[in-house]
Amino acid sequence: MNDSYASQEPARSEVDALPGPTLVEFGAPWCGICKAAQPLIAQALAGTAPLRHLKIEDGSGRPLGRSFGVKLWPTLIFMRDGQEVGRLVRPTRSEDIARELSRIVQPA
């Protein structure tokens, strides 16, 4: 699990080209709801196979978040081979995150 939000975001084309399972997390380090979700995300990730976790600092005018239609933080985008498989906005239960993770780490 990444602990810090990356202030420099990759291009959408780079994210879409990533092979295998990827969790893209949008939020901000000062966001209280994002901070509250971190233990839930950590717990869910601890129980799953290794995967790529992109933790992206989002905000006004940030193109990657806008390309995914992110409006609230944290938003978790679950991707497999560059395709969105699931999404959670402001998750409140680690079980919900784990369920979505299981969809991307196992073949469809």
C-alpha atoms as a PDB file:
ATOM      1  CA  MET A   1       0.000   0.000   0.000  1.00  0.00           C
ATOM      2  CA  ASN A   2       1.262   3.454  -0.862  1.00  0.00           C
ATOM      3  CA  ASP A   3       1.236   5.768   2.137  1.00  0.00           C
ATOM      4  CA  SER A   4       1.569   9.086   0.314  1.00  0.00           C
ATOM      5  CA  TYR A   5      -0.432  10.724  -2.431  1.00  0.00           C
ATOM      6  CA  ALA A   6       1.600  11.334  -5.589  1.00  0.00           C
ATOM      7  CA  SER A   7       1.410  15.004  -6.527  1.00  0.00           C
ATOM      8  CA  GLN A   8       2.478  14.238 -10.106  1.00  0.00           C
ATOM      9  CA  GLU A   9      -0.099  12.120 -11.854  1.00  0.00           C
ATOM     10  CA  PRO A  10       0.455   9.808 -14.809  1.00  0.00           C
ATOM     11  CA  ALA A  11      -1.343  10.442 -18.080  1.00  0.00           C
ATOM     12  CA  ARG A  12      -4.635   8.619 -18.580  1.00  0.00           C
ATOM     13  CA  SER A  13      -3.104   6.729 -21.506  1.00  0.00           C
ATOM     14  CA  GLU A  14      -0.412   5.386 -19.156  1.00  0.00           C
ATOM     15  CA  VAL A  15      -2.999   4.189 -16.638  1.00  0.00           C
ATOM     16  CA  ASP A  16      -5.092   2.594 -19.392  1.00  0.00           C
ATOM     17  CA  ALA A  17      -2.006   0.703 -20.620  1.00  0.00           C
ATOM     18  CA  LEU A  18      -1.141  -0.851 -17.239  1.00  0.00           C
ATOM     19  CA  PRO A  19      -1.277  -4.663 -17.305  1.00  0.00           C
ATOM     20  CA  GLY A  20      -2.788  -6.703 -14.503  1.00  0.00           C
ATOM     21  CA  PRO A  21      -4.655  -5.505 -11.415  1.00  0.00           C
ATOM     22  CA  THR A  22      -4.419  -1.845 -10.402  1.00  0.00           C
ATOM     23  CA  LEU A  23      -6.082   0.141  -7.639  1.00  0.00           C
ATOM     24  CA  VAL A  24      -6.225   3.871  -8.405  1.00  0.00           C
ATOM     25  CA  GLU A  25      -7.016   5.907  -5.299  1.00  0.00           C
ATOM     26  CA  PHE A  26      -7.930   9.584  -5.668  1.00  0.00           C
ATOM     27  CA  GLY A  27      -7.874  11.887  -2.650  1.00  0.00           C
ATOM     28  CA  ALA A  28      -5.868  14.527  -0.844  1.00  0.00           C
ATOM     29  CA  PRO A  29      -3.553  14.376   2.174  1.00  0.00           C
ATOM     30  CA  TRP A  30      -5.557  17.028   4.053  1.00  0.00           C
ATOM     31  CA  CYS A  31      -8.947  15.337   3.409  1.00  0.00           C
ATOM     32  CA  GLY A  32     -10.423  13.995   6.666  1.00  0.00           C
ATOM     33  CA  ILE A  33     -12.592  11.415   4.912  1.00  0.00           C
ATOM     34  CA  CYS A  34      -9.528  10.202   2.986  1.00  0.00           C
ATOM     35  CA  LYS A  35      -7.583   9.863   6.236  1.00  0.00           C
ATOM     36  CA  ALA A  36     -10.433   7.911   7.831  1.00  0.00           C
ATOM     37  CA  ALA A  37     -10.502   5.490   4.875  1.00  0.00           C
ATOM     38  CA  GLN A  38      -6.779   4.637   5.073  1.00  0.00           C
ATOM     39  CA  PRO A  39      -7.069   1.890   7.730  1.00  0.00           C
ATOM     40  CA  LEU A  40      -9.927   0.316   5.753  1.00  0.00           C
ATOM     41  CA  ILE A  41      -7.885   0.319   2.555  1.00  0.00           C
ATOM     42  CA  ALA A  42      -4.830  -1.068   4.368  1.00  0.00           C
ATOM     43  CA  GLN A  43      -6.880  -3.862   5.931  1.00  0.00           C
ATOM     44  CA  ALA A  44      -8.397  -4.851   2.591  1.00  0.00           C
ATOM     45  CA  LEU A  45      -5.034  -4.758   0.793  1.00  0.00           C
ATOM     46  CA  ALA A  46      -3.401  -6.866   3.515  1.00  0.00           C
ATOM     47  CA  GLY A  47      -5.708  -9.739   2.685  1.00  0.00           C
ATOM     48  CA  THR A  48      -5.163  -9.783  -1.077  1.00  0.00           C
ATOM     49  CA  ALA A  49      -2.509 -10.730  -3.594  1.00  0.00           C
ATOM     50  CA  PRO A  50       0.032  -8.042  -4.471  1.00  0.00           C
ATOM     51  CA  LEU A  51      -1.176  -5.451  -6.950  1.00  0.00           C
ATOM     52  CA  ARG A  52      -0.299  -1.990  -8.221  1.00  0.00           C
ATOM     53  CA  HIS A  53      -1.652   0.826  -6.010  1.00  0.00           C
ATOM     54  CA  LEU A  54      -1.612   4.322  -7.492  1.00  0.00           C
ATOM     55  CA  LYS A  55      -2.439   6.901  -4.844  1.00  0.00           C
ATOM     56  CA  ILE A  56      -3.077  10.161  -6.693  1.00  0.00           C
ATOM     57  CA  GLU A  57      -3.539  13.593  -5.143  1.00  0.00           C
ATOM     58  CA  ASP A  58      -6.602  15.038  -6.849  1.00  0.00           C
ATOM     59  CA  GLY A  59      -7.943  18.559  -7.064  1.00  0.00           C
ATOM     60  CA  SER A  60      -9.446  21.193  -9.292  1.00  0.00           C
ATOM     61  CA  GLY A  61      -7.991  21.116 -12.779  1.00  0.00           C
ATOM     62  CA  ARG A  62      -6.232  17.765 -12.326  1.00  0.00           C
ATOM     63  CA  PRO A  63      -6.830  15.928 -15.619  1.00  0.00           C
ATOM     64  CA  LEU A  64      -6.558  12.313 -14.442  1.00  0.00           C
ATOM     65  CA  GLY A  65      -9.302  12.635 -11.830  1.00  0.00           C
ATOM     66  CA  ARG A  66     -11.533  14.491 -14.281  1.00  0.00           C
ATOM     67  CA  SER A  67     -11.004  11.791 -16.937  1.00  0.00           C
ATOM     68  CA  PHE A  68     -12.381   9.249 -14.441  1.00  0.00           C
ATOM     69  CA  GLY A  69     -15.263  11.536 -13.419  1.00  0.00           C
ATOM     70  CA  VAL A  70     -14.053  11.821  -9.802  1.00  0.00           C
ATOM     71  CA  LYS A  71     -16.186  14.223  -7.775  1.00  0.00           C
ATOM     72  CA  LEU A  72     -15.768  13.045  -4.160  1.00  0.00           C
ATOM     73  CA  TRP A  73     -12.790  11.731  -2.206  1.00  0.00           C
ATOM     74  CA  PRO A  74     -11.645   9.193  -1.677  1.00  0.00           C
ATOM     75  CA  THR A  75     -12.627   7.484  -4.886  1.00  0.00           C
ATOM     76  CA  LEU A  76     -11.191   4.029  -5.494  1.00  0.00           C
ATOM     77  CA  ILE A  77     -11.049   2.793  -9.089  1.00  0.00           C
ATOM     78  CA  PHE A  78     -10.437  -0.944  -9.487  1.00  0.00           C
ATOM     79  CA  MET A  79      -8.841  -1.782 -12.832  1.00  0.00           C
ATOM     80  CA  ARG A  80      -7.672  -4.915 -14.599  1.00  0.00           C
ATOM     81  CA  ASP A  81      -5.569  -4.641 -17.754  1.00  0.00           C
ATOM     82  CA  GLY A  82      -6.411  -0.960 -18.141  1.00  0.00           C
ATOM     83  CA  GLN A  83     -10.174  -1.397 -17.851  1.00  0.00           C
ATOM     84  CA  GLU A  84     -12.313  -0.184 -14.962  1.00  0.00           C
ATOM     85  CA  VAL A  85     -13.928  -3.163 -13.244  1.00  0.00           C
ATOM     86  CA  GLY A  86     -15.354  -1.437 -10.166  1.00  0.00           C
ATOM     87  CA  ARG A  87     -15.493   1.787  -8.184  1.00  0.00           C
ATOM     88  CA  LEU A  88     -16.106   2.814  -4.588  1.00  0.00           C
ATOM     89  CA  VAL A  89     -16.693   6.385  -3.486  1.00  0.00           C
ATOM     90  CA  ARG A  90     -16.072   7.208   0.170  1.00  0.00           C
ATOM     91  CA  PRO A  91     -15.894   3.577   1.325  1.00  0.00           C
ATOM     92  CA  THR A  92     -16.829   2.907   4.934  1.00  0.00           C
ATOM     93  CA  ARG A  93     -16.196  -0.853   5.179  1.00  0.00           C
ATOM     94  CA  SER A  94     -13.030  -2.827   4.439  1.00  0.00           C
ATOM     95  CA  GLU A  95     -15.235  -5.715   3.299  1.00  0.00           C
ATOM     96  CA  ASP A  96     -16.542  -3.616   0.395  1.00  0.00           C
ATOM     97  CA  ILE A  97     -13.000  -2.762  -0.660  1.00  0.00           C
ATOM     98  CA  ALA A  98     -11.904  -6.411  -0.345  1.00  0.00           C
ATOM     99  CA  ARG A  99     -14.858  -7.515  -2.493  1.00  0.00           C
ATOM    100  CA  GLU A 100     -13.868  -5.133  -5.272  1.00  0.00           C
ATOM    101  CA  LEU A 101     -10.217  -6.147  -4.973  1.00  0.00           C
ATOM    102  CA  SER A 102     -11.194  -9.798  -5.435  1.00  0.00           C
ATOM    103  CA  ARG A 103     -12.779  -8.854  -8.768  1.00  0.00           C
ATOM    104  CA  ILE A 104      -9.487  -7.555 -10.158  1.00  0.00           C
ATOM    105  CA  VAL A 105      -6.973 -10.049  -8.750  1.00  0.00           C
ATOM    106  CA  GLN A 106      -8.884 -13.077 -10.033  1.00  0.00           C
ATOM    107  CA  PRO A 107      -9.636 -13.703 -13.702  1.00  0.00           C
ATOM    108  CA  ALA A 108     -13.172 -12.849 -14.791  1.00  0.00           C
END
